[in-house]
Amino acid sequence: MMNSWEERQRSTLLDGRRALERTSESLARSERTALETEAIGVEVVSNLGTQRETLERARNRLEDIDQGLSRTQSILNTMNRRVLTNKLLLILIIVSECGILASLVYLKFIKH
């Protein structure tokens, strides 16, 4: 009878020891997984930082381009107004010259 009790005790201890070993192995796997996850997280954060810098540089370039386009648009508008003014002055000069020419023809050929 004593032998049976000792065997049960031994069996219980062995079962407990196996459960403890399985738990230890599971904890070790969990720790490896946690370390791998942390490494991946560090890499992701690093990549996000790099991408953020790239996006900020791109945004700054776009702002510079936008300012350049605004200045260019202003210059083109000014040039367009000057072209229209020059055309109007040219038309006025041509009309004046035609009037002077008509007056000279009238004075030279019709009045004589």
N, C-alpha and C. Protein backbone atom coordinates (compact mmCIF):
# COMPACT_ATOMS: atom_id res chain seq x y z
N MET A 1 0.81 -1.17 0.00
CA MET A 1 0.00 0.00 0.00
C MET A 1 0.87 1.26 0.00
N MET A 2 1.90 1.22 0.69
CA MET A 2 2.81 2.34 0.76
C MET A 2 3.43 2.59 -0.61
N ASN A 3 3.68 1.52 -1.26
CA ASN A 3 4.28 1.59 -2.56
C ASN A 3 3.34 2.28 -3.54
N SER A 4 2.07 2.02 -3.47
CA SER A 4 1.08 2.61 -4.34
C SER A 4 0.98 4.12 -4.09
N TRP A 5 1.01 4.49 -2.83
CA TRP A 5 0.93 5.90 -2.50
C TRP A 5 2.16 6.63 -3.03
N GLU A 6 3.33 6.05 -2.88
CA GLU A 6 4.56 6.65 -3.38
C GLU A 6 4.54 6.75 -4.90
N GLU A 7 4.00 5.75 -5.54
CA GLU A 7 3.91 5.79 -6.99
C GLU A 7 2.98 6.91 -7.45
N ARG A 8 1.88 7.07 -6.75
CA ARG A 8 0.96 8.18 -7.09
C ARG A 8 1.64 9.52 -6.86
N GLN A 9 2.36 9.63 -5.78
CA GLN A 9 3.09 10.86 -5.48
C GLN A 9 4.13 11.14 -6.58
N ARG A 10 4.86 10.07 -6.91
CA ARG A 10 5.88 10.20 -7.93
C ARG A 10 5.24 10.57 -9.27
N SER A 11 4.12 9.90 -9.59
CA SER A 11 3.42 10.18 -10.83
C SER A 11 2.92 11.63 -10.84
N THR A 12 2.38 12.08 -9.74
CA THR A 12 1.90 13.46 -9.62
C THR A 12 3.05 14.44 -9.79
N LEU A 13 4.18 14.14 -9.15
CA LEU A 13 5.35 15.01 -9.27
C LEU A 13 5.86 15.05 -10.70
N LEU A 14 5.91 13.87 -11.35
CA LEU A 14 6.35 13.84 -12.73
C LEU A 14 5.40 14.62 -13.64
N ASP A 15 4.10 14.45 -13.41
CA ASP A 15 3.13 15.22 -14.18
C ASP A 15 3.31 16.71 -13.95
N GLY A 16 3.52 17.08 -12.69
CA GLY A 16 3.76 18.50 -12.37
C GLY A 16 5.01 19.02 -13.03
N ARG A 17 6.06 18.18 -13.02
CA ARG A 17 7.32 18.59 -13.62
C ARG A 17 7.16 18.77 -15.14
N ARG A 18 6.44 17.84 -15.80
CA ARG A 18 6.20 17.95 -17.24
C ARG A 18 5.39 19.20 -17.56
N ALA A 19 4.38 19.47 -16.73
CA ALA A 19 3.58 20.67 -16.93
C ALA A 19 4.44 21.91 -16.77
N LEU A 20 5.34 21.90 -15.78
CA LEU A 20 6.24 23.03 -15.55
C LEU A 20 7.19 23.20 -16.74
N GLU A 21 7.70 22.11 -17.29
CA GLU A 21 8.58 22.19 -18.45
C GLU A 21 7.83 22.73 -19.67
N ARG A 22 6.58 22.24 -19.87
CA ARG A 22 5.78 22.75 -20.99
C ARG A 22 5.52 24.25 -20.81
N THR A 23 5.24 24.65 -19.59
CA THR A 23 4.99 26.07 -19.31
C THR A 23 6.26 26.88 -19.57
N SER A 24 7.40 26.35 -19.17
CA SER A 24 8.67 27.05 -19.39
C SER A 24 8.94 27.18 -20.89
N GLU A 25 8.71 26.12 -21.63
CA GLU A 25 8.90 26.17 -23.08
C GLU A 25 7.94 27.17 -23.72
N SER A 26 6.72 27.18 -23.26
CA SER A 26 5.74 28.13 -23.78
C SER A 26 6.15 29.56 -23.47
N LEU A 27 6.66 29.78 -22.26
CA LEU A 27 7.14 31.12 -21.89
C LEU A 27 8.34 31.52 -22.76
N ALA A 28 9.22 30.58 -23.03
CA ALA A 28 10.39 30.88 -23.87
C ALA A 28 9.94 31.23 -25.28
N ARG A 29 8.97 30.48 -25.82
CA ARG A 29 8.44 30.80 -27.15
C ARG A 29 7.78 32.18 -27.14
N SER A 30 7.02 32.46 -26.10
CA SER A 30 6.36 33.77 -25.99
C SER A 30 7.38 34.89 -25.92
N GLU A 31 8.48 34.65 -25.19
CA GLU A 31 9.52 35.67 -25.07
C GLU A 31 10.19 35.91 -26.43
N ARG A 32 10.48 34.81 -27.18
CA ARG A 32 11.07 34.96 -28.52
C ARG A 32 10.12 35.73 -29.44
N THR A 33 8.84 35.38 -29.35
CA THR A 33 7.85 36.07 -30.18
C THR A 33 7.80 37.55 -29.82
N ALA A 34 7.84 37.85 -28.52
CA ALA A 34 7.82 39.24 -28.08
C ALA A 34 9.05 39.99 -28.58
N LEU A 35 10.22 39.35 -28.52
CA LEU A 35 11.44 40.00 -29.00
C LEU A 35 11.38 40.22 -30.51
N GLU A 36 10.89 39.24 -31.25
CA GLU A 36 10.75 39.41 -32.69
C GLU A 36 9.77 40.52 -33.02
N THR A 37 8.67 40.56 -32.28
CA THR A 37 7.67 41.62 -32.49
C THR A 37 8.26 42.99 -32.18
N GLU A 38 9.05 43.06 -31.12
CA GLU A 38 9.69 44.33 -30.77
C GLU A 38 10.65 44.76 -31.88
N ALA A 39 11.43 43.81 -32.42
CA ALA A 39 12.36 44.15 -33.50
C ALA A 39 11.61 44.63 -34.73
N ILE A 40 10.51 43.96 -35.04
CA ILE A 40 9.70 44.40 -36.18
C ILE A 40 9.14 45.79 -35.92
N GLY A 41 8.67 46.03 -34.69
CA GLY A 41 8.14 47.34 -34.34
C GLY A 41 9.18 48.44 -34.48
N VAL A 42 10.40 48.16 -34.03
CA VAL A 42 11.49 49.14 -34.15
C VAL A 42 11.77 49.45 -35.61
N GLU A 43 11.78 48.40 -36.44
CA GLU A 43 12.02 48.59 -37.87
C GLU A 43 10.90 49.40 -38.52
N VAL A 44 9.66 49.10 -38.14
CA VAL A 44 8.52 49.84 -38.69
C VAL A 44 8.59 51.31 -38.29
N VAL A 45 8.91 51.57 -37.03
CA VAL A 45 9.02 52.96 -36.57
C VAL A 45 10.13 53.69 -37.32
N SER A 46 11.24 53.00 -37.54
CA SER A 46 12.35 53.60 -38.29
C SER A 46 11.91 53.92 -39.71
N ASN A 47 11.23 52.97 -40.36
CA ASN A 47 10.75 53.19 -41.73
C ASN A 47 9.76 54.34 -41.77
N LEU A 48 8.88 54.40 -40.78
CA LEU A 48 7.90 55.49 -40.75
C LEU A 48 8.58 56.84 -40.58
N GLY A 49 9.64 56.88 -39.78
CA GLY A 49 10.39 58.13 -39.61
C GLY A 49 11.02 58.57 -40.92
N THR A 50 11.60 57.61 -41.63
CA THR A 50 12.20 57.92 -42.93
C THR A 50 11.15 58.40 -43.92
N GLN A 51 10.01 57.72 -43.94
CA GLN A 51 8.93 58.11 -44.85
C GLN A 51 8.40 59.49 -44.48
N ARG A 52 8.33 59.79 -43.19
CA ARG A 52 7.86 61.11 -42.77
C ARG A 52 8.80 62.21 -43.28
N GLU A 53 10.11 61.97 -43.13
CA GLU A 53 11.08 62.95 -43.62
C GLU A 53 10.93 63.14 -45.13
N THR A 54 10.75 62.04 -45.84
CA THR A 54 10.58 62.12 -47.30
C THR A 54 9.34 62.93 -47.65
N LEU A 55 8.24 62.66 -46.94
CA LEU A 55 7.00 63.40 -47.21
C LEU A 55 7.14 64.88 -46.86
N GLU A 56 7.85 65.19 -45.78
CA GLU A 56 8.05 66.60 -45.42
C GLU A 56 8.88 67.32 -46.48
N ARG A 57 9.93 66.64 -46.97
CA ARG A 57 10.74 67.26 -48.04
C ARG A 57 9.89 67.47 -49.29
N ALA A 58 9.06 66.48 -49.62
CA ALA A 58 8.20 66.61 -50.80
C ALA A 58 7.20 67.75 -50.61
N ARG A 59 6.64 67.87 -49.39
CA ARG A 59 5.70 68.96 -49.12
C ARG A 59 6.39 70.31 -49.25
N ASN A 60 7.61 70.42 -48.72
CA ASN A 60 8.35 71.68 -48.83
C ASN A 60 8.64 72.02 -50.30
N ARG A 61 9.02 70.99 -51.09
CA ARG A 61 9.25 71.24 -52.51
C ARG A 61 7.98 71.69 -53.21
N LEU A 62 6.85 71.07 -52.85
CA LEU A 62 5.58 71.46 -53.46
C LEU A 62 5.21 72.89 -53.07
N GLU A 63 5.47 73.27 -51.83
CA GLU A 63 5.19 74.65 -51.42
C GLU A 63 6.05 75.62 -52.22
N ASP A 64 7.33 75.27 -52.41
CA ASP A 64 8.22 76.13 -53.22
C ASP A 64 7.72 76.22 -54.65
N ILE A 65 7.30 75.09 -55.20
CA ILE A 65 6.78 75.08 -56.57
C ILE A 65 5.51 75.92 -56.66
N ASP A 66 4.65 75.80 -55.65
CA ASP A 66 3.41 76.58 -55.64
C ASP A 66 3.70 78.07 -55.61
N GLN A 67 4.68 78.46 -54.79
CA GLN A 67 5.06 79.87 -54.75
C GLN A 67 5.62 80.32 -56.10
N GLY A 68 6.46 79.47 -56.69
CA GLY A 68 7.01 79.79 -58.01
C GLY A 68 5.92 79.93 -59.06
N LEU A 69 4.94 79.03 -59.01
CA LEU A 69 3.83 79.11 -59.97
C LEU A 69 3.00 80.37 -59.76
N SER A 70 2.82 80.75 -58.49
CA SER A 70 2.07 81.99 -58.22
C SER A 70 2.80 83.20 -58.79
N ARG A 71 4.12 83.23 -58.58
CA ARG A 71 4.90 84.34 -59.13
C ARG A 71 4.86 84.33 -60.66
N THR A 72 4.96 83.15 -61.23
CA THR A 72 4.91 83.01 -62.69
C THR A 72 3.56 83.47 -63.22
N GLN A 73 2.49 83.08 -62.55
CA GLN A 73 1.15 83.50 -62.97
C GLN A 73 1.02 85.02 -62.91
N SER A 74 1.56 85.62 -61.87
CA SER A 74 1.51 87.08 -61.74
C SER A 74 2.30 87.74 -62.88
N ILE A 75 3.47 87.20 -63.18
CA ILE A 75 4.29 87.76 -64.26
C ILE A 75 3.57 87.60 -65.60
N LEU A 76 2.97 86.44 -65.83
CA LEU A 76 2.23 86.22 -67.09
C LEU A 76 1.04 87.17 -67.20
N ASN A 77 0.35 87.41 -66.10
CA ASN A 77 -0.78 88.35 -66.13
C ASN A 77 -0.29 89.76 -66.48
N THR A 78 0.83 90.16 -65.89
CA THR A 78 1.40 91.47 -66.19
C THR A 78 1.81 91.56 -67.67
N MET A 79 2.46 90.50 -68.15
CA MET A 79 2.86 90.48 -69.56
C MET A 79 1.64 90.54 -70.48
N ASN A 80 0.58 89.83 -70.13
CA ASN A 80 -0.63 89.83 -70.93
C ASN A 80 -1.25 91.23 -70.99
N ARG A 81 -1.29 91.92 -69.86
CA ARG A 81 -1.82 93.29 -69.86
C ARG A 81 -0.96 94.21 -70.72
N ARG A 82 0.34 94.05 -70.65
CA ARG A 82 1.23 94.89 -71.45
C ARG A 82 1.06 94.60 -72.94
N VAL A 83 0.88 93.32 -73.29
CA VAL A 83 0.66 92.97 -74.70
C VAL A 83 -0.62 93.62 -75.19
N LEU A 84 -1.69 93.53 -74.40
CA LEU A 84 -2.96 94.15 -74.80
C LEU A 84 -2.81 95.67 -74.93
N THR A 85 -2.10 96.28 -73.98
CA THR A 85 -1.87 97.73 -74.04
C THR A 85 -1.08 98.08 -75.30
N ASN A 86 -0.06 97.31 -75.59
CA ASN A 86 0.74 97.56 -76.80
C ASN A 86 -0.10 97.40 -78.07
N LYS A 87 -0.97 96.40 -78.10
CA LYS A 87 -1.84 96.21 -79.26
C LYS A 87 -2.78 97.40 -79.43
N LEU A 88 -3.36 97.86 -78.33
CA LEU A 88 -4.26 99.01 -78.40
C LEU A 88 -3.51 100.26 -78.88
N LEU A 89 -2.31 100.47 -78.36
CA LEU A 89 -1.51 101.62 -78.80
C LEU A 89 -1.15 101.49 -80.28
N LEU A 90 -0.80 100.29 -80.71
CA LEU A 90 -0.46 100.07 -82.11
C LEU A 90 -1.67 100.34 -83.02
N ILE A 91 -2.85 99.87 -82.59
CA ILE A 91 -4.07 100.13 -83.36
C ILE A 91 -4.34 101.62 -83.42
N LEU A 92 -4.18 102.31 -82.29
CA LEU A 92 -4.39 103.76 -82.25
C LEU A 92 -3.40 104.47 -83.19
N ILE A 93 -2.14 104.04 -83.18
CA ILE A 93 -1.14 104.65 -84.06
C ILE A 93 -1.49 104.39 -85.52
N ILE A 94 -1.92 103.16 -85.84
CA ILE A 94 -2.28 102.83 -87.23
C ILE A 94 -3.48 103.65 -87.67
N VAL A 95 -4.49 103.77 -86.81
CA VAL A 95 -5.67 104.56 -87.15
C VAL A 95 -5.27 106.03 -87.34
N SER A 96 -4.39 106.53 -86.47
CA SER A 96 -3.92 107.92 -86.61
C SER A 96 -3.17 108.12 -87.92
N GLU A 97 -2.30 107.17 -88.26
CA GLU A 97 -1.54 107.28 -89.50
C GLU A 97 -2.47 107.20 -90.72
N CYS A 98 -3.49 106.35 -90.64
CA CYS A 98 -4.46 106.27 -91.74
C CYS A 98 -5.22 107.60 -91.86
N GLY A 99 -5.56 108.17 -90.72
CA GLY A 99 -6.24 109.48 -90.75
C GLY A 99 -5.36 110.55 -91.33
N ILE A 100 -4.08 110.56 -90.93
CA ILE A 100 -3.14 111.55 -91.47
C ILE A 100 -2.95 111.33 -92.97
N LEU A 101 -2.81 110.06 -93.38
CA LEU A 101 -2.64 109.74 -94.78
C LEU A 101 -3.88 110.15 -95.58
N ALA A 102 -5.05 109.90 -95.05
CA ALA A 102 -6.28 110.29 -95.73
C ALA A 102 -6.35 111.81 -95.84
N SER A 103 -5.96 112.50 -94.78
CA SER A 103 -5.96 113.96 -94.81
C SER A 103 -4.99 114.48 -95.88
N LEU A 104 -3.80 113.88 -95.96
CA LEU A 104 -2.82 114.31 -96.96
C LEU A 104 -3.32 114.05 -98.38
N VAL A 105 -3.94 112.89 -98.59
CA VAL A 105 -4.48 112.59 -99.91
C VAL A 105 -5.57 113.59 -100.24
N TYR A 106 -6.42 113.89 -99.30
CA TYR A 106 -7.50 114.86 -99.52
C TYR A 106 -6.91 116.22 -99.85
N LEU A 107 -5.94 116.66 -99.06
CA LEU A 107 -5.36 117.98 -99.29
C LEU A 107 -4.57 118.03 -100.60
N LYS A 108 -3.89 116.97 -100.96
CA LYS A 108 -3.04 116.97 -102.13
C LYS A 108 -3.86 116.83 -103.43
N PHE A 109 -4.80 115.90 -103.45
CA PHE A 109 -5.47 115.60 -104.72
C PHE A 109 -6.87 116.20 -104.81
N ILE A 110 -7.58 116.29 -103.80
CA ILE A 110 -8.96 116.71 -103.91
C ILE A 110 -9.06 118.23 -103.74
N LYS A 111 -8.33 118.83 -102.92
CA LYS A 111 -8.42 120.26 -102.69
C LYS A 111 -7.75 121.03 -103.82
N HIS A 112 -6.83 120.52 -104.51
CA HIS A 112 -6.16 121.22 -105.61
C HIS A 112 -6.94 121.14 -106.83
